[in-house]
Amino acid sequence: MVFIFPIILMMVYLNGSAFTYVLIYLTFGVIGYLITKSILKIKSSKNN
C-alpha cells in the first residue's frame, strides 16, 4: 500500500510524463520486495 501514494502524487504533479517513472519505480519496488521476501524465507528456514 505504501507504493500507491507516491504514484498518485507523481501522476498529479507530472501528468503523463511521470508514467515511465512510475513503471520504473514499481519495477524496482517489486524486485526489492521479492528480494527481501526471499531473504526472510532463507533466514527463517535456517533458524528451523
PDB file of N, CA and C in Angstrom:
ATOM      1  N   MET A   1       0.828  -1.216   0.000  1.00  0.00           N
ATOM      2  CA  MET A   1       0.000   0.000   0.000  1.00  0.00           C
ATOM      3  C   MET A   1       0.859   1.261   0.000  1.00  0.00           C
ATOM      4  N   VAL A   2       2.068   1.176   0.538  1.00  0.00           N
ATOM      5  CA  VAL A   2       2.956   2.342   0.639  1.00  0.00           C
ATOM      6  C   VAL A   2       3.317   2.875  -0.741  1.00  0.00           C
ATOM      7  N   PHE A   3       3.399   1.961  -1.740  1.00  0.00           N
ATOM      8  CA  PHE A   3       3.823   2.355  -3.083  1.00  0.00           C
ATOM      9  C   PHE A   3       2.777   3.213  -3.797  1.00  0.00           C
ATOM     10  N   ILE A   4       1.508   3.107  -3.395  1.00  0.00           N
ATOM     11  CA  ILE A   4       0.421   3.757  -4.134  1.00  0.00           C
ATOM     12  C   ILE A   4       0.469   5.279  -3.987  1.00  0.00           C
ATOM     13  N   PHE A   5       0.785   5.780  -2.800  1.00  0.00           N
ATOM     14  CA  PHE A   5       0.732   7.219  -2.553  1.00  0.00           C
ATOM     15  C   PHE A   5       1.708   8.032  -3.395  1.00  0.00           C
ATOM     16  N   PRO A   6       2.989   7.651  -3.492  1.00  0.00           N
ATOM     17  CA  PRO A   6       3.908   8.406  -4.359  1.00  0.00           C
ATOM     18  C   PRO A   6       3.494   8.368  -5.819  1.00  0.00           C
ATOM     19  N   ILE A   7       2.906   7.266  -6.259  1.00  0.00           N
ATOM     20  CA  ILE A   7       2.451   7.147  -7.647  1.00  0.00           C
ATOM     21  C   ILE A   7       1.344   8.153  -7.923  1.00  0.00           C
ATOM     22  N   ILE A   8       0.384   8.265  -7.011  1.00  0.00           N
ATOM     23  CA  ILE A   8      -0.708   9.226  -7.169  1.00  0.00           C
ATOM     24  C   ILE A   8      -0.148  10.644  -7.204  1.00  0.00           C
ATOM     25  N   LEU A   9       0.778  10.949  -6.290  1.00  0.00           N
ATOM     26  CA  LEU A   9       1.408  12.271  -6.270  1.00  0.00           C
ATOM     27  C   LEU A   9       2.131  12.561  -7.571  1.00  0.00           C
ATOM     28  N   MET A  10       2.881  11.579  -8.077  1.00  0.00           N
ATOM     29  CA  MET A  10       3.616  11.754  -9.330  1.00  0.00           C
ATOM     30  C   MET A  10       2.665  11.972 -10.496  1.00  0.00           C
ATOM     31  N   MET A  11       1.579  11.211 -10.549  1.00  0.00           N
ATOM     32  CA  MET A  11       0.604  11.363 -11.624  1.00  0.00           C
ATOM     33  C   MET A  11      -0.026  12.750 -11.598  1.00  0.00           C
ATOM     34  N   VAL A  12      -0.311  13.258 -10.391  1.00  0.00           N
ATOM     35  CA  VAL A  12      -0.942  14.575 -10.254  1.00  0.00           C
ATOM     36  C   VAL A  12       0.017  15.683 -10.682  1.00  0.00           C
ATOM     37  N   TYR A  13       1.266  15.627 -10.209  1.00  0.00           N
ATOM     38  CA  TYR A  13       2.200  16.730 -10.450  1.00  0.00           C
ATOM     39  C   TYR A  13       2.853  16.676 -11.824  1.00  0.00           C
ATOM     40  N   LEU A  14       3.169  15.481 -12.317  1.00  0.00           N
ATOM     41  CA  LEU A  14       3.927  15.362 -13.562  1.00  0.00           C
ATOM     42  C   LEU A  14       3.086  14.891 -14.742  1.00  0.00           C
ATOM     43  N   ASN A  15       1.831  14.484 -14.482  1.00  0.00           N
ATOM     44  CA  ASN A  15       0.908  14.027 -15.530  1.00  0.00           C
ATOM     45  C   ASN A  15       1.474  12.847 -16.316  1.00  0.00           C
ATOM     46  N   GLY A  16       1.361  12.851 -17.641  1.00  0.00           N
ATOM     47  CA  GLY A  16       1.694  11.692 -18.468  1.00  0.00           C
ATOM     48  C   GLY A  16       3.160  11.334 -18.462  1.00  0.00           C
ATOM     49  N   SER A  17       4.028  12.340 -18.348  1.00  0.00           N
ATOM     50  CA  SER A  17       5.465  12.084 -18.395  1.00  0.00           C
ATOM     51  C   SER A  17       5.933  11.243 -17.208  1.00  0.00           C
ATOM     52  N   ALA A  18       5.143  11.251 -16.144  1.00  0.00           N
ATOM     53  CA  ALA A  18       5.507  10.505 -14.939  1.00  0.00           C
ATOM     54  C   ALA A  18       5.301   9.003 -15.106  1.00  0.00           C
ATOM     55  N   PHE A  19       4.562   8.612 -16.145  1.00  0.00           N
ATOM     56  CA  PHE A  19       4.163   7.209 -16.269  1.00  0.00           C
ATOM     57  C   PHE A  19       5.361   6.281 -16.375  1.00  0.00           C
ATOM     58  N   THR A  20       6.380   6.690 -17.147  1.00  0.00           N
ATOM     59  CA  THR A  20       7.587   5.868 -17.274  1.00  0.00           C
ATOM     60  C   THR A  20       8.296   5.745 -15.932  1.00  0.00           C
ATOM     61  N   TYR A  21       8.357   6.867 -15.190  1.00  0.00           N
ATOM     62  CA  TYR A  21       8.993   6.833 -13.872  1.00  0.00           C
ATOM     63  C   TYR A  21       8.211   5.941 -12.913  1.00  0.00           C
ATOM     64  N   VAL A  22       6.895   5.969 -13.030  1.00  0.00           N
ATOM     65  CA  VAL A  22       6.048   5.116 -12.195  1.00  0.00           C
ATOM     66  C   VAL A  22       6.328   3.642 -12.479  1.00  0.00           C
ATOM     67  N   LEU A  23       6.446   3.305 -13.765  1.00  0.00           N
ATOM     68  CA  LEU A  23       6.744   1.917 -14.139  1.00  0.00           C
ATOM     69  C   LEU A  23       8.091   1.476 -13.590  1.00  0.00           C
ATOM     70  N   ILE A  24       9.099   2.343 -13.725  1.00  0.00           N
ATOM     71  CA  ILE A  24      10.434   2.039 -13.200  1.00  0.00           C
ATOM     72  C   ILE A  24      10.378   1.879 -11.683  1.00  0.00           C
ATOM     73  N   TYR A  25       9.682   2.813 -11.019  1.00  0.00           N
ATOM     74  CA  TYR A  25       9.545   2.805  -9.566  1.00  0.00           C
ATOM     75  C   TYR A  25       8.876   1.517  -9.092  1.00  0.00           C
ATOM     76  N   LEU A  26       7.786   1.139  -9.775  1.00  0.00           N
ATOM     77  CA  LEU A  26       7.076  -0.088  -9.424  1.00  0.00           C
ATOM     78  C   LEU A  26       7.938  -1.317  -9.637  1.00  0.00           C
ATOM     79  N   THR A  27       8.678  -1.331 -10.753  1.00  0.00           N
ATOM     80  CA  THR A  27       9.538  -2.471 -11.066  1.00  0.00           C
ATOM     81  C   THR A  27      10.578  -2.678  -9.969  1.00  0.00           C
ATOM     82  N   PHE A  28      11.262  -1.583  -9.590  1.00  0.00           N
ATOM     83  CA  PHE A  28      12.252  -1.682  -8.520  1.00  0.00           C
ATOM     84  C   PHE A  28      11.603  -2.043  -7.190  1.00  0.00           C
ATOM     85  N   GLY A  29      10.410  -1.528  -6.948  1.00  0.00           N
ATOM     86  CA  GLY A  29       9.683  -1.848  -5.723  1.00  0.00           C
ATOM     87  C   GLY A  29       9.363  -3.327  -5.621  1.00  0.00           C
ATOM     88  N   VAL A  30       8.883  -3.896  -6.730  1.00  0.00           N
ATOM     89  CA  VAL A  30       8.539  -5.323  -6.765  1.00  0.00           C
ATOM     90  C   VAL A  30       9.790  -6.177  -6.617  1.00  0.00           C
ATOM     91  N   ILE A  31      10.865  -5.797  -7.316  1.00  0.00           N
ATOM     92  CA  ILE A  31      12.128  -6.538  -7.230  1.00  0.00           C
ATOM     93  C   ILE A  31      12.656  -6.511  -5.791  1.00  0.00           C
ATOM     94  N   GLY A  32      12.651  -5.331  -5.183  1.00  0.00           N
ATOM     95  CA  GLY A  32      13.108  -5.189  -3.802  1.00  0.00           C
ATOM     96  C   GLY A  32      12.267  -6.010  -2.836  1.00  0.00           C
ATOM     97  N   TYR A  33      10.951  -6.008  -3.088  1.00  0.00           N
ATOM     98  CA  TYR A  33      10.040  -6.773  -2.249  1.00  0.00           C
ATOM     99  C   TYR A  33      10.313  -8.266  -2.351  1.00  0.00           C
ATOM    100  N   LEU A  34      10.507  -8.748  -3.576  1.00  0.00           N
ATOM    101  CA  LEU A  34      10.784 -10.172  -3.789  1.00  0.00           C
ATOM    102  C   LEU A  34      12.115 -10.571  -3.173  1.00  0.00           C
ATOM    103  N   ILE A  35      13.122  -9.701  -3.287  1.00  0.00           N
ATOM    104  CA  ILE A  35      14.438  -9.981  -2.710  1.00  0.00           C
ATOM    105  C   ILE A  35      14.340 -10.086  -1.194  1.00  0.00           C
ATOM    106  N   THR A  36      13.673  -9.110  -0.563  1.00  0.00           N
ATOM    107  CA  THR A  36      13.543  -9.135   0.894  1.00  0.00           C
ATOM    108  C   THR A  36      12.729 -10.342   1.345  1.00  0.00           C
ATOM    109  N   LYS A  37      11.699 -10.694   0.566  1.00  0.00           N
ATOM    110  CA  LYS A  37      10.875 -11.845   0.907  1.00  0.00           C
ATOM    111  C   LYS A  37      11.687 -13.133   0.862  1.00  0.00           C
ATOM    112  N   SER A  38      12.512 -13.276  -0.191  1.00  0.00           N
ATOM    113  CA  SER A  38      13.327 -14.484  -0.330  1.00  0.00           C
ATOM    114  C   SER A  38      14.402 -14.545   0.749  1.00  0.00           C
ATOM    115  N   ILE A  39      14.968 -13.388   1.108  1.00  0.00           N
ATOM    116  CA  ILE A  39      15.974 -13.335   2.176  1.00  0.00           C
ATOM    117  C   ILE A  39      15.345 -13.754   3.504  1.00  0.00           C
ATOM    118  N   LEU A  40      14.143 -13.245   3.787  1.00  0.00           N
ATOM    119  CA  LEU A  40      13.455 -13.617   5.016  1.00  0.00           C
ATOM    120  C   LEU A  40      13.127 -15.106   5.030  1.00  0.00           C
ATOM    121  N   LYS A  41      12.758 -15.647   3.867  1.00  0.00           N
ATOM    122  CA  LYS A  41      12.440 -17.071   3.764  1.00  0.00           C
ATOM    123  C   LYS A  41      13.676 -17.916   4.051  1.00  0.00           C
ATOM    124  N   ILE A  42      14.825 -17.499   3.511  1.00  0.00           N
ATOM    125  CA  ILE A  42      16.086 -18.206   3.732  1.00  0.00           C
ATOM    126  C   ILE A  42      16.474 -18.142   5.212  1.00  0.00           C
ATOM    127  N   LYS A  43      16.328 -16.951   5.815  1.00  0.00           N
ATOM    128  CA  LYS A  43      16.663 -16.787   7.232  1.00  0.00           C
ATOM    129  C   LYS A  43      15.785 -17.663   8.115  1.00  0.00           C
ATOM    130  N   SER A  44      14.476 -17.680   7.823  1.00  0.00           N
ATOM    131  CA  SER A  44      13.553 -18.462   8.646  1.00  0.00           C
ATOM    132  C   SER A  44      13.808 -19.960   8.494  1.00  0.00           C
ATOM    133  N   SER A  45      14.187 -20.397   7.288  1.00  0.00           N
ATOM    134  CA  SER A  45      14.472 -21.816   7.078  1.00  0.00           C
ATOM    135  C   SER A  45      15.767 -22.227   7.779  1.00  0.00           C
ATOM    136  N   LYS A  46      16.730 -21.300   7.870  1.00  0.00           N
ATOM    137  CA  LYS A  46      17.978 -21.584   8.587  1.00  0.00           C
ATOM    138  C   LYS A  46      17.730 -21.707  10.089  1.00  0.00           C
ATOM    139  N   ASN A  47      16.826 -20.887  10.618  1.00  0.00           N
ATOM    140  CA  ASN A  47      16.518 -20.933  12.040  1.00  0.00           C
ATOM    141  C   ASN A  47      15.847 -22.244  12.426  1.00  0.00           C
ATOM    142  N   ASN A  48      15.014 -22.771  11.552  1.00  0.00           N
ATOM    143  CA  ASN A  48      14.332 -24.033  11.829  1.00  0.00           C
ATOM    144  C   ASN A  48      15.303 -25.195  11.705  1.00  0.00           C
TER     145      ASN A  48
END
